[in-house]
Amino acid sequence: MSIILRFGFAGFAGAIALAIGLTSVTGVHAEACKTDLKRDDVVQDQANELYACIEAKLLEGYSKATDVPGVPGYKDWKLVTTAPLVSATHGKMFVNHYVNDLGADLYTKWEDMDGAKFPVGTIFAKESFRISKGEVKRGPLFLMEKVAADAAPDGWVYTRLFPNGKYQRTNGNKSEKMAFCHECHAATLDAQDAAFFPPEEYRTAN
């Protein structure tokens, strides 16, 4: 039986909720992106506007980590979300979701992947941003890499890369911080090989 879980899966929200307000862009300034709407009022076009404002700064920060697989190359992968969406399992931040070529075809079968497994080398990447006091702020880049079954718990390596270039990684720096990622994604391990799907209204066409 297929398991369908969303980025906004309510069961995990309380465990990692952050005090973050998310809104919509009203203007772009030299030093900062400003915004005035509330998170729950943001529609897809507005979320894309928020992202356009912060995109260059996100990539600039993530690119400092030259030894993390997928950075900065993830920008050339398949974008599988039509707009940034609020993810309860990623601190209630807005996330954009990318998948590399190895995993994109299987992932975009969505529920029809029917228990298939991603090939080793598949990487998912989620950029994130938030709003604090009316300003668009950078969040971490979340990465999920398929490895050999005996190389990491459940065959996946998780990385949380901060905009300053520092990161936490399974089997690496502050690996214990990644335990929540493994526990959360284990909920879909059998049916979806630990992947989560965006809500249908946010899915790109195959």
Protein backbone atom coordinates (compact mmCIF):
# COMPACT_ATOMS: atom_id res chain seq x y z
CA MET A 1 0.00 0.00 0.00
CA SER A 2 1.39 3.37 -0.97
CA ILE A 3 2.15 5.90 1.75
CA ILE A 4 1.47 9.50 0.80
CA LEU A 5 3.07 12.05 3.11
CA ARG A 6 3.49 15.74 2.40
CA PHE A 7 6.20 18.24 3.29
CA GLY A 8 3.62 19.82 5.59
CA PHE A 9 2.81 16.57 7.44
CA ALA A 10 1.19 17.78 10.66
CA GLY A 11 2.48 14.96 12.84
CA PHE A 12 6.01 16.33 12.80
CA ALA A 13 5.19 20.03 12.93
CA GLY A 14 5.26 20.46 16.68
CA ALA A 15 8.65 18.82 17.04
CA ILE A 16 10.51 21.36 14.93
CA ALA A 17 8.28 24.40 14.60
CA LEU A 18 10.21 27.67 14.65
CA ALA A 19 8.97 31.13 15.52
CA ILE A 20 8.95 32.29 11.90
CA GLY A 21 6.55 34.61 10.08
CA LEU A 22 6.29 34.19 6.30
CA THR A 23 4.90 36.85 3.99
CA SER A 24 4.90 38.33 0.48
CA VAL A 25 7.31 40.72 -1.24
CA THR A 26 6.29 44.35 -1.60
CA GLY A 27 9.64 45.77 -2.64
CA VAL A 28 13.28 44.89 -3.22
CA HIS A 29 15.94 47.10 -1.64
CA ALA A 30 19.68 47.31 -2.08
CA GLU A 31 20.50 45.55 1.17
CA ALA A 32 17.40 43.50 1.93
CA CYS A 33 14.14 42.10 0.58
CA LYS A 34 11.14 43.51 2.41
CA THR A 35 7.68 42.00 2.69
CA ASP A 36 4.38 42.68 4.43
CA LEU A 37 1.94 39.72 4.14
CA LYS A 38 1.49 36.86 6.58
CA ARG A 39 2.86 33.41 5.80
CA ASP A 40 -0.50 31.72 5.44
CA ASP A 41 -1.72 34.37 2.98
CA VAL A 42 1.06 33.75 0.45
CA VAL A 43 -0.01 32.19 -2.85
CA GLN A 44 2.31 30.54 -5.38
CA ASP A 45 3.04 33.64 -7.46
CA GLN A 46 3.93 35.59 -4.33
CA ALA A 47 6.15 32.77 -3.07
CA ASN A 48 8.03 32.82 -6.38
CA GLU A 49 8.49 36.56 -5.98
CA LEU A 50 9.94 36.05 -2.52
CA TYR A 51 12.33 33.47 -3.91
CA ALA A 52 13.44 35.70 -6.81
CA CYS A 53 14.42 38.30 -4.26
CA ILE A 54 16.62 35.98 -2.19
CA GLU A 55 17.84 33.48 -4.84
CA ALA A 56 21.27 35.02 -5.52
CA LYS A 57 22.04 35.30 -1.81
CA LEU A 58 21.02 31.70 -1.19
CA LEU A 59 23.37 30.37 -3.85
CA GLU A 60 26.18 32.65 -2.70
CA GLY A 61 26.01 31.23 0.81
CA TYR A 62 25.58 27.58 -0.08
CA SER A 63 28.43 27.72 -2.60
CA LYS A 64 30.92 28.28 0.22
CA ALA A 65 30.69 24.55 0.98
CA THR A 66 32.73 23.29 -1.97
CA ASP A 67 33.05 19.77 -0.54
CA VAL A 68 29.32 18.98 -0.26
CA PRO A 69 27.96 16.81 -3.11
CA GLY A 70 25.43 18.69 -5.21
CA VAL A 71 26.66 22.20 -4.41
CA PRO A 72 26.22 24.39 -6.40
CA GLY A 73 25.23 21.97 -9.18
CA TYR A 74 21.73 21.39 -7.79
CA LYS A 75 20.57 24.51 -9.64
CA ASP A 76 20.84 22.55 -12.90
CA TRP A 77 18.69 19.67 -11.63
CA LYS A 78 14.97 19.16 -12.15
CA LEU A 79 12.87 21.55 -10.10
CA VAL A 80 9.90 19.44 -9.01
CA THR A 81 7.89 22.16 -7.27
CA THR A 82 6.06 24.96 -9.07
CA ALA A 83 6.71 27.42 -6.24
CA PRO A 84 8.33 27.46 -2.80
CA LEU A 85 5.99 25.88 -0.26
CA VAL A 86 5.88 26.02 3.50
CA SER A 87 7.30 22.81 4.95
CA ALA A 88 6.36 21.89 8.51
CA THR A 89 9.16 19.33 8.57
CA HIS A 90 11.76 21.97 7.67
CA GLY A 91 11.07 24.57 10.32
CA LYS A 92 7.96 25.95 8.57
CA MET A 93 10.23 27.63 6.06
CA PHE A 94 9.52 28.00 2.36
CA VAL A 95 11.35 25.33 0.34
CA ASN A 96 12.13 24.75 -3.34
CA HIS A 97 12.73 21.09 -4.18
CA TYR A 98 15.24 19.79 -6.79
CA VAL A 99 16.14 16.23 -7.82
CA ASN A 100 19.20 15.22 -9.85
CA ASP A 101 18.96 13.30 -13.12
CA LEU A 102 19.49 9.90 -11.48
CA GLY A 103 16.36 10.18 -9.38
CA ALA A 104 14.09 12.61 -11.21
CA ASP A 105 12.20 10.17 -13.44
CA LEU A 106 11.32 7.83 -10.59
CA TYR A 107 10.49 10.61 -8.15
CA THR A 108 8.06 12.30 -10.53
CA LYS A 109 6.05 9.13 -10.85
CA TRP A 110 4.82 10.27 -7.42
CA GLU A 111 2.51 7.68 -5.83
CA ASP A 112 3.01 5.42 -8.84
CA MET A 113 6.64 4.74 -7.90
CA ASP A 114 5.05 1.86 -5.95
CA GLY A 115 7.93 0.80 -3.74
CA ALA A 116 10.73 1.20 -6.31
CA LYS A 117 14.14 2.22 -5.00
CA PHE A 118 16.22 5.20 -6.10
CA PRO A 119 19.62 4.44 -7.63
CA VAL A 120 22.73 5.13 -5.60
CA GLY A 121 23.82 8.68 -6.37
CA THR A 122 20.31 10.15 -6.34
CA ILE A 123 20.32 13.50 -4.53
CA PHE A 124 17.41 15.69 -3.42
CA ALA A 125 18.03 19.34 -2.55
CA LYS A 126 15.71 21.78 -0.82
CA GLU A 127 16.58 25.46 -0.65
CA SER A 128 14.87 27.32 2.16
CA PHE A 129 14.07 30.84 3.25
CA ARG A 130 11.98 32.54 5.90
CA ILE A 131 10.64 35.92 6.88
CA SER A 132 11.68 37.63 10.07
CA LYS A 133 10.27 41.04 11.01
CA GLY A 134 9.26 41.76 7.43
CA GLU A 135 12.58 40.77 5.86
CA VAL A 136 13.28 37.73 3.68
CA LYS A 137 16.03 35.68 5.35
CA ARG A 138 18.16 32.81 4.07
CA GLY A 139 17.64 29.32 5.45
CA PRO A 140 19.65 26.09 5.12
CA LEU A 141 20.00 23.91 2.05
CA PHE A 142 18.71 20.43 2.94
CA LEU A 143 20.28 17.56 0.98
CA MET A 144 19.39 13.88 0.89
CA GLU A 145 21.81 11.53 -0.93
CA LYS A 146 21.25 7.84 -1.72
CA VAL A 147 24.29 5.73 -0.86
CA ALA A 148 25.04 2.03 -0.50
CA ALA A 149 22.80 0.32 2.04
CA ASP A 150 25.65 -0.27 4.48
CA ALA A 151 27.11 3.25 4.17
CA ALA A 152 24.44 5.09 6.20
CA PRO A 153 21.23 4.33 8.09
CA ASP A 154 18.61 3.16 5.56
CA GLY A 155 21.06 4.00 2.74
CA TRP A 156 20.60 7.78 2.91
CA VAL A 157 22.98 10.59 3.89
CA TYR A 158 21.40 13.84 5.08
CA THR A 159 23.12 17.23 5.07
CA ARG A 160 21.97 20.56 6.46
CA LEU A 161 24.07 23.30 4.88
CA PHE A 162 23.82 26.76 6.41
CA PRO A 163 24.19 30.00 4.42
CA ASN A 164 27.60 30.63 6.02
CA GLY A 165 28.95 27.43 4.42
CA LYS A 166 29.01 25.36 7.61
CA TYR A 167 27.09 22.10 7.60
CA GLN A 168 25.96 19.06 9.56
CA ARG A 169 26.05 15.67 7.82
CA THR A 170 25.24 12.01 8.43
CA ASN A 171 28.46 10.15 9.33
CA GLY A 172 30.25 13.50 9.43
CA ASN A 173 30.26 16.81 11.30
CA LYS A 174 27.58 16.83 14.03
CA SER A 175 26.04 13.67 12.63
CA GLU A 176 23.82 13.39 15.72
CA LYS A 177 21.95 16.50 14.50
CA MET A 178 20.79 14.50 11.48
CA ALA A 179 19.03 11.83 13.55
CA PHE A 180 15.70 13.61 13.21
CA CYS A 181 15.99 13.52 9.40
CA HIS A 182 16.47 9.75 9.44
CA GLU A 183 13.59 9.24 11.87
CA CYS A 184 11.23 11.45 9.88
CA HIS A 185 11.99 9.97 6.46
CA ALA A 186 11.77 6.41 7.81
CA ALA A 187 7.99 6.85 7.71
CA THR A 188 8.06 6.48 3.90
CA LEU A 189 11.01 4.09 3.61
CA ASP A 190 9.12 1.04 2.36
CA ALA A 191 6.67 2.63 -0.09
CA GLN A 192 8.64 5.67 -1.30
CA ASP A 193 12.27 4.87 -0.42
CA ALA A 194 12.23 7.56 2.28
CA ALA A 195 11.07 10.32 -0.10
CA PHE A 196 8.27 12.79 0.57
CA PHE A 197 6.03 14.27 -2.13
CA PRO A 198 4.87 17.88 -2.40
CA PRO A 199 1.10 18.53 -2.41
CA GLU A 200 -0.43 17.90 -5.84
CA GLU A 201 -1.00 21.60 -6.51
CA TYR A 202 2.76 22.21 -6.20
CA ARG A 203 3.99 19.38 -8.44
CA THR A 204 5.65 20.15 -11.75
CA ALA A 205 4.62 18.26 -14.87
CA ASN A 206 6.78 15.27 -15.82
